[in-house]
Protein backbone atom coordinates (compact mmCIF):
# COMPACT_ATOMS: atom_id res chain seq x y z
CA UNK A 1 98.61 83.83 95.38
CA UNK A 2 95.37 85.16 94.33
CA UNK A 3 95.48 88.00 91.87
CA UNK A 4 93.38 91.24 92.39
CA UNK A 5 92.69 91.30 88.78
CA UNK A 6 92.11 87.54 88.20
CA UNK A 7 88.53 86.58 86.68
CA UNK A 8 85.79 85.31 88.79
CA UNK A 9 83.19 82.81 88.37
CA UNK A 10 80.42 85.47 87.42
CA UNK A 11 82.27 86.35 84.46
CA UNK A 12 82.27 82.67 82.94
CA UNK A 13 79.11 83.32 80.93
CA UNK A 14 79.90 86.84 79.55
CA UNK A 15 79.68 87.32 75.69
CA UNK A 16 82.20 88.38 73.79
CA UNK A 17 81.53 92.08 73.95
CA UNK A 18 82.69 91.60 77.70
CA UNK A 19 86.18 90.40 76.64
CA UNK A 20 89.29 92.48 75.85
CA UNK A 21 92.56 91.19 74.15
CA UNK A 22 95.19 89.91 76.49
CA UNK A 23 97.47 92.96 75.54
CA UNK A 24 94.92 95.63 76.10
CA UNK A 25 94.68 93.97 79.54
CA UNK A 26 98.18 93.90 80.38
CA UNK A 27 98.82 97.46 79.16
CA UNK A 28 95.85 98.76 81.37
CA UNK A 29 97.18 96.66 84.44
CA UNK A 30 100.57 98.45 83.83
CA UNK A 31 99.16 101.75 83.84
CA UNK A 32 96.99 101.07 86.97
CA UNK A 33 100.08 99.75 88.62
CA UNK A 34 101.60 103.34 88.37
CA UNK A 35 104.04 102.28 85.47
CA UNK A 36 104.49 105.38 82.98
CA UNK A 37 106.97 104.28 80.50
CA UNK A 38 107.59 100.94 78.46
CA UNK A 39 111.06 100.88 77.15
CA UNK A 40 111.91 98.15 74.38
CA UNK A 41 112.31 97.42 70.64
CA UNK A 42 109.57 96.48 68.24
CA UNK A 43 109.22 93.39 66.24
CA UNK A 44 106.48 90.94 65.17
CA UNK A 45 106.27 89.02 67.96
CA UNK A 46 105.83 91.99 70.35
CA UNK A 47 103.77 94.37 68.13
CA UNK A 48 100.45 93.78 69.32
CA UNK A 49 101.78 94.73 73.04
CA UNK A 50 103.09 98.08 71.40
CA UNK A 51 99.98 98.58 69.88
CA UNK A 52 97.94 98.23 72.97
CA UNK A 53 100.20 100.61 74.80
CA UNK A 54 99.73 103.36 72.03
CA UNK A 55 95.81 102.68 71.89
CA UNK A 56 95.73 102.94 75.94
CA UNK A 57 97.45 106.28 75.68
CA UNK A 58 98.55 106.06 79.52
CA UNK A 59 102.10 104.32 79.60
CA UNK A 60 104.39 105.88 77.15
CA UNK A 61 106.24 103.31 74.72
CA UNK A 62 110.09 104.34 74.34
CA UNK A 63 111.77 102.78 71.29
CA UNK A 64 115.43 102.05 71.90
CA UNK A 65 118.58 101.15 69.76
CA UNK A 66 119.18 97.87 71.40
CA UNK A 67 117.35 95.58 74.11
CA UNK A 68 120.21 95.86 76.19
CA UNK A 69 119.76 99.42 76.51
CA UNK A 70 116.03 99.04 76.91
CA UNK A 71 116.46 96.99 79.84
CA UNK A 72 119.03 99.55 81.65
CA UNK A 73 116.34 102.32 80.70
CA UNK A 74 113.78 100.10 82.65
CA UNK A 75 116.75 99.69 85.41
CA UNK A 76 117.49 103.26 85.47
CA UNK A 77 113.76 104.02 85.56
CA UNK A 78 113.28 101.91 88.76
CA UNK A 79 116.48 103.10 90.49
CA UNK A 80 115.16 106.80 90.27
CA UNK A 81 111.64 106.19 91.01
CA UNK A 82 111.65 103.02 93.29
CA UNK A 83 108.71 101.99 90.84
CA UNK A 84 108.85 98.85 88.59
CA UNK A 85 110.68 99.08 85.28
CA UNK A 86 109.39 97.33 82.36
CA UNK A 87 110.93 96.15 79.30
CA UNK A 88 109.44 94.60 75.89
CA UNK A 89 111.20 92.61 73.36
CA UNK A 90 110.50 90.44 70.40
CA UNK A 91 111.53 87.03 70.01
CA UNK A 92 114.90 85.29 69.02
CA UNK A 93 118.01 87.64 68.99
CA UNK A 94 115.84 90.58 70.74
CA UNK A 95 114.85 88.13 73.50
CA UNK A 96 118.58 87.23 74.03
CA UNK A 97 119.92 90.67 73.99
CA UNK A 98 117.73 91.21 77.01
CA UNK A 99 119.91 88.71 79.16
CA UNK A 100 123.19 90.75 79.99
CA UNK A 101 120.80 93.97 81.44
CA UNK A 102 118.48 91.35 83.20
CA UNK A 103 121.64 89.77 85.16
CA UNK A 104 122.65 93.46 86.11
CA UNK A 105 119.28 94.03 87.49
CA UNK A 106 119.32 90.58 89.21
CA UNK A 107 122.91 91.35 90.89
CA UNK A 108 121.91 94.79 91.87
CA UNK A 109 118.21 93.84 93.24
CA UNK A 110 116.34 96.08 90.77
CA UNK A 111 112.74 95.27 90.17
CA UNK A 112 112.12 94.96 86.44
CA UNK A 113 109.29 93.28 84.72
CA UNK A 114 110.38 91.82 81.04
CA UNK A 115 107.44 90.97 78.51
CA UNK A 116 109.11 88.86 75.90
CA UNK A 117 107.14 88.12 72.71
CA UNK A 118 107.48 84.32 71.10
CA UNK A 119 106.24 82.70 68.04
CA UNK A 120 102.57 81.42 68.15
CA UNK A 121 102.10 78.17 70.17
CA UNK A 122 100.90 76.15 67.02
CA UNK A 123 104.35 76.77 65.69
CA UNK A 124 106.28 75.46 68.48
CA UNK A 125 108.52 72.78 67.49
CA UNK A 126 107.79 72.92 64.00
CA UNK A 127 110.55 74.88 62.68
CA UNK A 128 109.13 78.41 63.22
CA UNK A 129 111.41 81.32 62.84
CA UNK A 130 113.09 82.24 66.26
CA UNK A 131 111.33 79.06 67.80
CA UNK A 132 112.29 79.39 71.76
CA UNK A 133 109.90 76.90 72.94
CA UNK A 134 112.18 74.00 73.93
CA UNK A 135 110.73 71.47 71.36
CA UNK A 136 112.26 69.83 68.66
CA UNK A 137 115.45 70.62 69.28
CA UNK A 138 115.06 74.36 69.56
CA UNK A 139 116.37 76.15 73.02
CA UNK A 140 113.83 77.00 75.79
CA UNK A 141 113.66 80.56 76.59
CA UNK A 142 112.18 79.69 80.03
CA UNK A 143 115.70 78.02 80.85
CA UNK A 144 117.98 81.17 79.47
CA UNK A 145 115.82 83.48 81.61
CA UNK A 146 115.39 81.47 84.69
CA UNK A 147 118.77 82.20 85.95
CA UNK A 148 118.77 85.89 85.56
CA UNK A 149 115.03 86.28 87.10
CA UNK A 150 113.25 85.93 90.35
CA UNK A 151 110.35 84.62 88.28
CA UNK A 152 109.92 83.43 84.88
CA UNK A 153 106.98 81.60 83.09
CA UNK A 154 105.47 81.13 79.59
CA UNK A 155 101.86 82.23 79.59
CA UNK A 156 100.42 79.38 77.53
CA UNK A 157 96.60 80.03 78.48
CA UNK A 158 95.48 83.46 78.28
CA UNK A 159 93.11 83.37 81.07
CA UNK A 160 96.09 82.76 83.27
CA UNK A 161 97.64 86.19 82.58
CA UNK A 162 96.07 88.01 85.46
CA UNK A 163 97.52 85.70 88.16
CA UNK A 164 100.71 85.17 86.60
CA UNK A 165 101.15 89.12 85.88
CA UNK A 166 100.35 89.57 89.66
CA UNK A 167 103.04 86.64 90.87
CA UNK A 168 105.55 88.12 88.61
CA UNK A 169 105.31 91.65 89.80
CA UNK A 170 105.10 90.42 93.43
CA UNK A 171 108.62 88.37 92.71
CA UNK A 172 110.14 91.42 91.28
CA UNK A 173 109.13 93.86 94.28
CA UNK A 174 109.71 91.12 96.88
CA UNK A 175 113.35 90.85 98.60
CA UNK A 176 115.55 89.90 97.29
CA UNK A 177 114.24 92.28 94.45
CA UNK A 178 114.88 91.26 90.70
CA UNK A 179 113.61 90.79 87.19
CA UNK A 180 110.68 88.88 86.45
CA UNK A 181 109.83 87.51 82.92
CA UNK A 182 106.65 86.84 81.05
CA UNK A 183 107.11 84.76 77.96
CA UNK A 184 104.01 85.96 75.64
CA UNK A 185 103.36 83.71 72.53
CA UNK A 186 101.76 85.84 69.85
CA UNK A 187 98.31 84.21 69.71
CA UNK A 188 98.36 84.35 73.58
CA UNK A 189 98.96 88.17 73.10
CA UNK A 190 96.17 88.39 70.52
CA UNK A 191 93.66 86.20 72.56
CA UNK A 192 90.59 87.71 74.11
CA UNK A 193 90.00 87.21 78.18
CA UNK A 194 87.16 88.19 80.24
CA UNK A 195 87.08 91.72 81.99
CA UNK A 196 87.64 91.69 85.77
CA UNK A 197 84.37 91.91 87.68
CA UNK A 198 82.79 95.47 87.67
CA UNK A 199 82.09 96.80 90.88
CA UNK A 200 84.68 94.74 92.70
CA UNK A 201 86.35 96.38 95.88
CA UNK A 202 89.41 98.18 94.89
CA UNK A 203 92.67 96.39 95.50
CA UNK A 204 96.17 97.99 95.70
CA UNK A 205 97.98 98.06 92.51
CA UNK A 206 100.90 95.40 91.92
CA UNK A 207 104.04 97.43 91.57
CA UNK A 208 103.70 100.16 94.34
CA UNK A 209 106.69 101.12 96.62
CA UNK A 210 107.43 98.35 99.14
CA UNK A 211 106.74 101.23 101.74
CA UNK A 212 103.10 100.61 100.82
CA UNK A 213 103.18 97.13 101.84
CA UNK A 214 103.49 96.19 105.75
CA UNK A 215 106.87 95.33 106.84
CA UNK A 216 107.78 91.74 107.77
CA UNK A 217 108.09 91.36 111.50
CA UNK A 218 111.67 91.55 112.78
CA UNK A 219 113.49 88.93 114.98
CA UNK A 220 113.21 90.22 118.68
CA UNK A 221 116.16 87.99 119.56
CA UNK A 222 118.17 89.51 116.87
CA UNK A 223 116.88 93.31 117.52
CA UNK A 224 118.27 92.91 121.10
CA UNK A 225 121.50 91.48 120.19
CA UNK A 226 122.30 94.17 117.63
CA UNK A 227 120.82 97.01 119.90
CA UNK A 228 123.10 95.47 123.01
CA UNK A 229 126.06 95.71 120.70
CA UNK A 230 125.60 99.39 119.17
CA UNK A 231 124.62 100.77 122.84
CA UNK A 232 128.34 99.18 124.07
CA UNK A 233 130.22 100.62 121.27
CA UNK A 234 132.27 103.78 121.76
CA UNK A 235 133.24 104.14 117.98
CA UNK A 236 130.85 103.04 115.13
CA UNK A 237 131.69 103.23 111.31
CA UNK A 238 128.59 102.61 109.46
CA UNK A 239 129.10 101.41 105.64
CA UNK A 240 125.65 101.94 103.85
CA UNK A 241 124.84 100.52 100.63
CA UNK A 242 122.24 100.73 97.90
CA UNK A 243 119.77 99.16 100.01
CA UNK A 244 119.18 102.59 101.92
CA UNK A 245 118.25 103.88 98.52
CA UNK A 246 116.04 101.17 97.46
CA UNK A 247 114.10 101.22 100.82
CA UNK A 248 113.83 104.87 100.93
CA UNK A 249 115.70 104.97 104.18
CA UNK A 250 118.12 107.81 104.21
CA UNK A 251 116.42 109.97 106.83
CA UNK A 252 116.38 106.75 109.14
CA UNK A 253 120.27 105.92 108.32
CA UNK A 254 120.98 109.70 109.18
CA UNK A 255 119.27 109.71 112.32
CA UNK A 256 120.80 106.35 113.67
CA UNK A 257 124.16 107.55 112.81
CA UNK A 258 123.48 110.67 114.85
CA UNK A 259 122.30 108.70 117.79
CA UNK A 260 125.65 106.55 117.51
CA UNK A 261 128.00 109.44 116.99
CA UNK A 262 129.17 107.37 113.94
CA UNK A 263 131.14 108.04 110.97
CA UNK A 264 129.53 106.91 107.74
CA UNK A 265 131.11 105.41 104.59
CA UNK A 266 128.99 104.50 101.32
CA UNK A 267 129.81 101.69 98.96
CA UNK A 268 130.56 102.63 95.44
CA UNK A 269 127.04 102.29 94.46
CA UNK A 270 125.28 104.15 97.09
CA UNK A 271 127.28 107.27 97.28
CA UNK A 272 123.84 109.52 97.22
CA UNK A 273 122.35 107.72 100.33
CA UNK A 274 124.21 109.88 102.74
CA UNK A 275 125.23 113.51 102.30
CA UNK A 276 128.84 113.68 101.06
CA UNK A 277 129.23 117.02 102.64
CA UNK A 278 128.15 116.11 106.24
CA UNK A 279 131.05 116.38 108.92
CA UNK A 280 130.17 112.56 109.41
CA UNK A 281 130.92 111.26 105.92
CA UNK A 282 134.13 109.21 105.74
CA UNK A 283 134.02 108.46 102.19
CA UNK A 284 133.73 105.45 99.63
CA UNK A 285 134.51 102.06 100.84
CA UNK A 286 136.39 99.63 98.56
CA UNK A 287 138.81 99.67 95.69
CA UNK A 288 137.26 102.99 94.25
CA UNK A 289 137.40 104.46 97.67
CA UNK A 290 139.03 106.55 100.07
CA UNK A 291 141.85 105.62 102.80
CA UNK A 292 140.18 107.43 105.41
CA UNK A 293 137.53 104.67 105.35
CA UNK A 294 140.16 102.16 106.50
CA UNK A 295 141.70 104.31 108.79
CA UNK A 296 137.94 104.70 110.58
CA UNK A 297 137.45 101.16 110.52
CA UNK A 298 140.67 100.45 112.40
CA UNK A 299 139.43 102.86 115.18
CA UNK A 300 135.95 101.73 115.25
CA UNK A 301 134.67 99.31 118.03
CA UNK A 302 131.80 98.23 115.59
CA UNK A 303 131.36 98.36 111.92
CA UNK A 304 127.47 98.75 111.20
CA UNK A 305 126.42 97.34 107.61
CA UNK A 306 123.08 99.05 106.39
CA UNK A 307 121.80 97.98 103.14
CA UNK A 308 124.66 96.13 102.10
CA UNK A 309 126.34 92.76 102.03
CA UNK A 310 129.55 94.19 101.39
CA UNK A 311 130.82 92.37 98.43
CA UNK A 312 134.24 92.62 97.36
CA UNK A 313 134.20 95.81 95.37
CA UNK A 314 133.16 97.67 98.51
CA UNK A 315 135.45 95.95 101.04
CA UNK A 316 138.79 95.78 98.86
CA UNK A 317 141.61 96.62 101.19
CA UNK A 318 139.37 96.64 104.07
CA UNK A 319 139.36 92.64 104.98
CA UNK A 320 142.41 92.79 107.67
CA UNK A 321 140.51 95.55 109.48
CA UNK A 322 137.15 93.86 109.29
CA UNK A 323 138.58 90.60 110.63
CA UNK A 324 139.57 92.63 113.91
CA UNK A 325 136.24 94.55 114.41
CA UNK A 326 132.78 93.50 115.32
CA UNK A 327 130.31 93.45 112.86
CA UNK A 328 126.70 93.92 112.69
CA UNK A 329 124.17 93.97 109.58
CA UNK A 330 120.88 95.48 108.91
CA UNK A 331 119.03 94.32 105.77
CA UNK A 332 117.09 91.71 104.29
CA UNK A 333 119.83 89.41 103.13
CA UNK A 334 123.15 87.84 104.96
CA UNK A 335 126.14 89.53 104.71
CA UNK A 336 129.29 88.43 102.95
CA UNK A 337 131.39 88.69 106.28
CA UNK A 338 131.00 87.39 109.81
CA UNK A 339 128.89 89.32 112.00
CA UNK A 340 125.42 89.75 113.56
CA UNK A 341 122.61 89.94 111.49
CA UNK A 342 118.96 91.66 111.77
CA UNK A 343 117.41 90.26 108.87
CA UNK A 344 114.23 91.92 107.30
CA UNK A 345 112.86 95.27 106.07
CA UNK A 346 115.83 97.96 106.25
CA UNK A 347 113.75 100.92 106.87
CA UNK A 348 111.87 99.16 109.99
CA UNK A 349 115.34 97.68 111.05
CA UNK A 350 116.95 101.22 111.30
CA UNK A 351 113.90 102.58 112.95
CA UNK A 352 113.72 99.76 115.57
CA UNK A 353 117.30 99.90 116.58
CA UNK A 354 117.39 103.79 116.49
CA UNK A 355 114.42 103.55 119.28
CA UNK A 356 116.54 101.55 121.68
CA UNK A 357 119.22 103.91 121.61
CA UNK A 358 119.43 106.91 123.91
CA UNK A 359 117.73 109.97 122.54
CA UNK A 360 120.85 112.35 122.66
CA UNK A 361 122.60 112.78 119.46
CA UNK A 362 126.22 112.52 119.50
CA UNK A 363 129.22 114.32 117.36
CA UNK A 364 131.28 111.76 115.62
CA UNK A 365 135.19 111.49 116.42
CA UNK A 366 137.55 113.74 114.40
CA UNK A 367 138.56 111.93 111.30
CA UNK A 368 140.37 113.03 108.02
CA UNK A 369 137.29 112.87 105.76
CA UNK A 370 137.53 111.44 102.12
CA UNK A 371 140.84 112.88 100.74
CA UNK A 372 141.66 111.78 97.17
CA UNK A 373 144.20 109.43 96.86
CA UNK A 374 147.69 110.88 95.86
CA UNK A 375 148.07 110.80 92.02
CA UNK A 376 150.91 108.37 91.17
CA UNK A 377 153.54 109.72 88.86
CA UNK A 378 152.72 109.52 85.06
CA UNK A 379 156.10 109.91 83.69
CA UNK A 380 155.04 112.93 81.79
CA UNK A 381 153.38 110.68 78.98
CA UNK A 382 150.39 112.84 78.61
CA UNK A 383 150.73 114.03 75.13
CA UNK A 384 148.45 116.35 73.11
CA UNK A 385 145.67 118.56 74.46
CA UNK A 386 144.28 116.05 77.24
CA UNK A 387 142.39 116.68 80.49
CA UNK A 388 143.27 114.60 83.56
CA UNK A 389 140.45 113.24 85.37
CA UNK A 390 140.91 115.25 88.68
CA UNK A 391 140.56 118.44 86.52
CA UNK A 392 137.53 117.07 84.50
CA UNK A 393 135.61 115.83 87.45
CA UNK A 394 136.23 119.07 89.35
CA UNK A 395 134.76 120.83 86.14
CA UNK A 396 131.75 118.47 86.26
CA UNK A 397 131.38 119.05 90.03
CA UNK A 398 131.16 122.61 89.64
CA UNK A 399 128.29 122.58 87.05
CA UNK A 400 126.30 119.76 88.43
CA UNK A 401 122.93 120.59 89.52
CA UNK A 402 122.18 119.47 93.20
CA UNK A 403 118.76 118.01 91.84
CA UNK A 404 120.59 115.89 89.26
CA UNK A 405 120.86 112.35 88.87
CA UNK A 406 124.28 110.79 87.84
CA UNK A 407 124.86 107.48 86.20
CA UNK A 408 128.50 106.27 86.09
CA UNK A 409 129.92 103.84 83.63
CA UNK A 410 132.54 101.11 83.82
CA UNK A 411 136.26 101.89 83.45
CA UNK A 412 138.90 104.45 84.17
CA UNK A 413 136.53 107.43 83.84
CA UNK A 414 133.94 105.82 86.10
CA UNK A 415 136.38 104.93 88.87
CA UNK A 416 137.85 108.51 89.21
CA UNK A 417 133.88 109.87 89.25
CA UNK A 418 133.29 107.53 92.14
CA UNK A 419 136.10 108.56 93.99
CA UNK A 420 136.30 112.25 93.35
CA UNK A 421 132.97 113.50 92.78
CA UNK A 422 130.55 114.29 95.67
CA UNK A 423 126.93 112.86 94.94
CA UNK A 424 124.12 115.45 94.23
CA UNK A 425 122.05 116.23 97.56
CA UNK A 426 118.75 115.59 95.97
CA UNK A 427 119.58 113.15 93.06
CA UNK A 428 120.43 109.58 92.60
CA UNK A 429 124.31 108.59 91.91
CA UNK A 430 124.36 105.26 90.25
CA UNK A 431 127.07 102.63 89.32
CA UNK A 432 126.18 99.37 87.94
CA UNK A 433 128.37 97.14 90.06
CA UNK A 434 126.19 94.04 90.12
CA UNK A 435 127.55 93.15 86.52
CA UNK A 436 129.50 95.96 85.79
CA UNK A 437 128.90 95.98 82.25
CA UNK A 438 130.05 99.00 79.93
CA UNK A 439 127.68 101.15 78.22
CA UNK A 440 125.03 100.37 80.87
CA UNK A 441 124.50 104.37 81.43
CA UNK A 442 123.43 105.34 78.23
CA UNK A 443 120.19 103.62 78.13
CA UNK A 444 119.77 104.11 82.39
CA UNK A 445 120.48 107.88 82.31
CA UNK A 446 117.83 107.93 79.39
CA UNK A 447 115.35 105.83 81.45
CA UNK A 448 116.04 108.02 84.59
CA UNK A 449 115.62 111.29 82.77
CA UNK A 450 112.19 110.35 81.25
CA UNK A 451 110.90 109.02 84.47
CA UNK A 452 111.69 111.79 86.55
CA UNK A 453 112.07 115.15 83.94
CA UNK A 454 115.19 115.96 85.83
CA UNK A 455 118.51 116.69 84.11
CA UNK A 456 120.64 113.59 84.26
CA UNK A 457 124.48 113.36 83.80
CA UNK A 458 125.84 109.88 82.02
CA UNK A 459 129.61 109.80 82.61
CA UNK A 460 131.53 107.43 80.51
CA UNK A 461 134.54 106.36 78.45
CA UNK A 462 134.76 106.21 74.89
CA UNK A 463 134.83 102.37 75.20
CA UNK A 464 131.18 102.39 76.82
CA UNK A 465 130.05 104.70 73.94
CA UNK A 466 131.15 102.51 71.13
CA UNK A 467 129.17 99.75 72.74
CA UNK A 468 125.79 101.23 73.15
CA UNK A 469 126.34 105.20 72.96
CA UNK A 470 124.01 105.45 69.87
CA UNK A 471 121.30 105.79 72.28
CA UNK A 472 121.99 109.32 72.22
CA UNK A 473 119.59 109.01 69.21
CA UNK A 474 116.70 107.73 71.73
CA UNK A 475 117.65 110.63 73.83
CA UNK A 476 117.13 113.06 70.85
CA UNK A 477 114.11 111.37 69.58
CA UNK A 478 112.37 111.85 73.01
CA UNK A 479 114.03 115.01 74.19
CA UNK A 480 115.22 113.29 77.45
CA UNK A 481 117.02 115.85 79.84
CA UNK A 482 120.16 113.86 79.50
CA UNK A 483 123.83 115.50 79.31
CA UNK A 484 126.40 112.78 77.94
CA UNK A 485 129.89 113.17 78.99
CA UNK A 486 132.41 111.11 77.24
CA UNK A 487 135.90 110.83 78.51
CA UNK A 488 137.88 109.90 75.22
CA UNK A 489 141.21 108.26 75.79
CA UNK A 490 141.15 106.14 72.51
CA UNK A 491 141.48 102.97 74.52
CA UNK A 492 140.02 100.34 76.79
CA UNK A 493 142.32 101.98 79.36
CA UNK A 494 141.72 99.76 82.23
CA UNK A 495 142.50 96.73 80.22
CA UNK A 496 145.81 98.69 78.85
CA UNK A 497 146.68 99.49 82.33
CA UNK A 498 146.58 95.95 83.18
CA UNK A 499 148.36 94.79 79.95
CA UNK A 500 151.31 97.09 80.51
CA UNK A 501 151.91 96.59 84.35
CA UNK A 502 150.58 92.88 84.78
CA UNK A 503 151.46 91.06 81.30
CA UNK A 504 154.70 93.03 80.40
CA UNK A 505 153.24 95.36 78.13
CA UNK A 506 153.58 92.99 75.09
CA UNK A 507 150.07 93.99 73.57
CA UNK A 508 148.59 97.17 72.28
CA UNK A 509 145.11 95.42 71.52
CA UNK A 510 143.26 97.93 73.63
CA UNK A 511 144.90 101.11 72.40
CA UNK A 512 142.89 102.67 69.41
CA UNK A 513 143.53 105.16 66.64
CA UNK A 514 142.20 108.76 67.47
CA UNK A 515 138.50 109.45 66.99
CA UNK A 516 136.80 112.82 67.24
CA UNK A 517 133.54 111.78 68.84
CA UNK A 518 132.17 115.25 68.90
CA UNK A 519 132.41 116.05 65.30
CA UNK A 520 130.95 112.57 64.72
CA UNK A 521 127.98 113.06 66.78
CA UNK A 522 127.54 116.45 65.74
CA UNK A 523 127.31 115.51 62.18
CA UNK A 524 124.83 112.72 62.98
CA UNK A 525 122.51 114.72 65.16
CA UNK A 526 122.54 118.35 63.88
CA UNK A 527 119.72 119.58 66.45
CA UNK A 528 121.92 118.06 69.41
CA UNK A 529 123.97 120.43 71.51
CA UNK A 530 127.59 119.09 70.88
CA UNK A 531 130.81 120.48 72.35
CA UNK A 532 134.25 119.35 72.15
CA UNK A 533 136.05 120.49 75.53
CA UNK A 534 139.81 121.07 75.16
CA UNK A 535 139.99 122.38 78.62
CA UNK A 536 138.15 122.49 82.24
CA UNK A 537 136.69 125.86 81.40
CA UNK A 538 135.21 124.59 78.41
CA UNK A 539 133.69 121.68 80.01
CA UNK A 540 132.18 123.52 82.91
CA UNK A 541 130.79 126.13 80.41
CA UNK A 542 129.10 123.42 78.14
CA UNK A 543 127.57 121.49 81.09
CA UNK A 544 126.05 124.70 82.69
CA UNK A 545 124.35 125.50 79.24
CA UNK A 546 122.90 122.04 79.31
CA UNK A 547 121.37 122.21 82.53
CA UNK A 548 117.87 123.26 81.82
CA UNK A 549 115.70 120.22 82.74
CA UNK A 550 113.37 121.32 79.79
CA UNK A 551 116.53 121.70 77.46
CA UNK A 552 116.69 118.14 75.97
CA UNK A 553 119.83 116.35 75.49
CA UNK A 554 123.43 117.58 75.37
CA UNK A 555 126.69 115.86 74.24
CA UNK A 556 130.16 116.95 75.65
CA UNK A 557 133.43 114.91 74.78
CA UNK A 558 137.07 115.64 75.94
CA UNK A 559 140.34 113.92 75.52
CA UNK A 560 141.97 112.07 78.23
CA UNK A 561 145.16 110.08 78.54
CA UNK A 562 145.08 106.29 78.26
CA UNK A 563 148.31 106.10 80.17
CA UNK A 564 146.70 107.85 83.40
CA UNK A 565 146.28 105.77 86.35
CA UNK A 566 142.83 106.21 87.97
CA UNK A 567 142.40 106.21 91.68
CA UNK A 568 141.78 102.63 91.66
CA UNK A 569 143.09 100.49 94.73
CA UNK A 570 144.71 97.61 92.53
CA UNK A 571 146.41 100.10 90.18
CA UNK A 572 147.91 102.28 93.06
CA UNK A 573 151.20 100.43 93.39
CA UNK A 574 151.74 101.06 89.69
CA UNK A 575 154.30 104.03 90.36
CA UNK A 576 157.75 104.77 88.91
CA UNK A 577 159.46 102.75 91.22
CA UNK A 578 157.42 99.90 90.99
CA UNK A 579 157.59 99.66 87.37
CA UNK A 580 161.58 99.50 87.63
CA UNK A 581 161.45 96.97 90.29
CA UNK A 582 158.56 94.74 89.31
CA UNK A 583 160.05 92.23 86.75
CA UNK A 584 157.67 89.30 87.32
CA UNK A 585 154.60 91.23 86.84
CA UNK A 586 153.09 89.56 89.67
CA UNK A 587 149.81 91.16 90.80
CA UNK A 588 149.83 92.72 94.35
CA UNK A 589 147.79 91.79 97.14
CA UNK A 590 145.05 94.22 96.47
CA UNK A 591 144.91 92.69 93.20
CA UNK A 592 142.74 89.98 94.45
CA UNK A 593 139.80 92.32 93.55
CA UNK A 594 139.54 91.65 89.91
CA UNK A 595 137.89 94.13 87.58
CA UNK A 596 137.60 93.76 83.96
């Protein structure tokens, strides 16, 4: 690939005055690409890049508390802006802390560029501190990052940086999207490189949204086959995924559904891609979803997958109905279920298929809608002043601005939010189901809030808070408009539920002593608006108070019962009757979907 910023032969004899530090060039290219924030944690082997960002003054450097959270900040930035997210880290442990966050971006197809410092090249293989060159018995960082990136290279010659940067950005932005990694030895960062030729014709900056590039041509045979199937279908269920948001294809999805007279369900990580209050909305598919989706699927002639490959979390409980229904799939990657696929750019595919349908819009057949699952009997075990998840989520719904973004973390609280909380009409509703890592939302919510300036809600449990909740400090330092809502059941409750019902309840490893999170956070951050909500009214009032986009961060903690069973399909058989009858502690058939 030819880089739009690579040096030309005409610059070969330019004097030193016509050169710049590699890091200054890199910072300038990030700014030219539309990047507004660089997230990371500093250190000796990445300090030159931070210096260049500071001197450049266009890209804002944000210092996180942990490199995992810095990656998730870049991830949240990318998901809400559809621009390239950028993270920087120093060598050694700082670099290694990037791995789980990059794995999430890889699995969820999020475009992130990681800039990773290394010791100077002259020290490689000579016992350098934090050597990751792969020489003389050290490990090779390129081999570590390779499996969790679309492109990974060590920049050993400073003059190669322009081309390698362009290749990295292209890899991150191309389907399948994901992380790209540039390993930058310290001496290479400090090296001077020739300026690009002056007066050269302007070229598109790397990192623009995919819609700025021409879409790939669709296969005409596949387009015809899919269109014929849909034209002949009486009832259609559309299951839409995160690819609709990544491809900015919400309007195209809605028009196709209207032409088909289709019901529309969404995957757990894509609640915002279709209006949750639309009469066509069938609910969430899969293990955190609604029974109505299975009912619609059984009644449908065709199931259309749009922007999703339908992984296990999105098809849990649906396999039997899927096997009896014709499936078609639109998107760049093949589905996980058999069907007729139209591969390529999703937005273009939706438009092309819609163009082959009759212009008349059709009403969808009657359906029950996304009714919440019935709450199982809790044996009256809730003790003290605790809020049940439906009450708490209802309070969040009552306060949530329709322009806000919502980031939902792993665990019982997350499952409840996916099941019960309608997505805001004009904001993202993000769940990191790629790796499902606890604590993802604290960084991701901050990245989204800083990128867009919109109020962002983070919904997480206390287990997630104890992993990465000190990113609250980052939100305070940068005045990010984030409202952190922490559901505190003093447990890793999803693990505790599994232990009780699948392993005989013989352990209490995941049940903890009580912690007053609100008091602790208030003491640590005197300027932060902190509330301990003892009931739904207090929760709603605290959230409403925080909703000003310019108001900075807020923190609300509420107590929940660790024994409350969330609306999570594998747990729905854990009722009072089943507890008595189940003596062998075997998992039900729905437990084929494992969530840790």
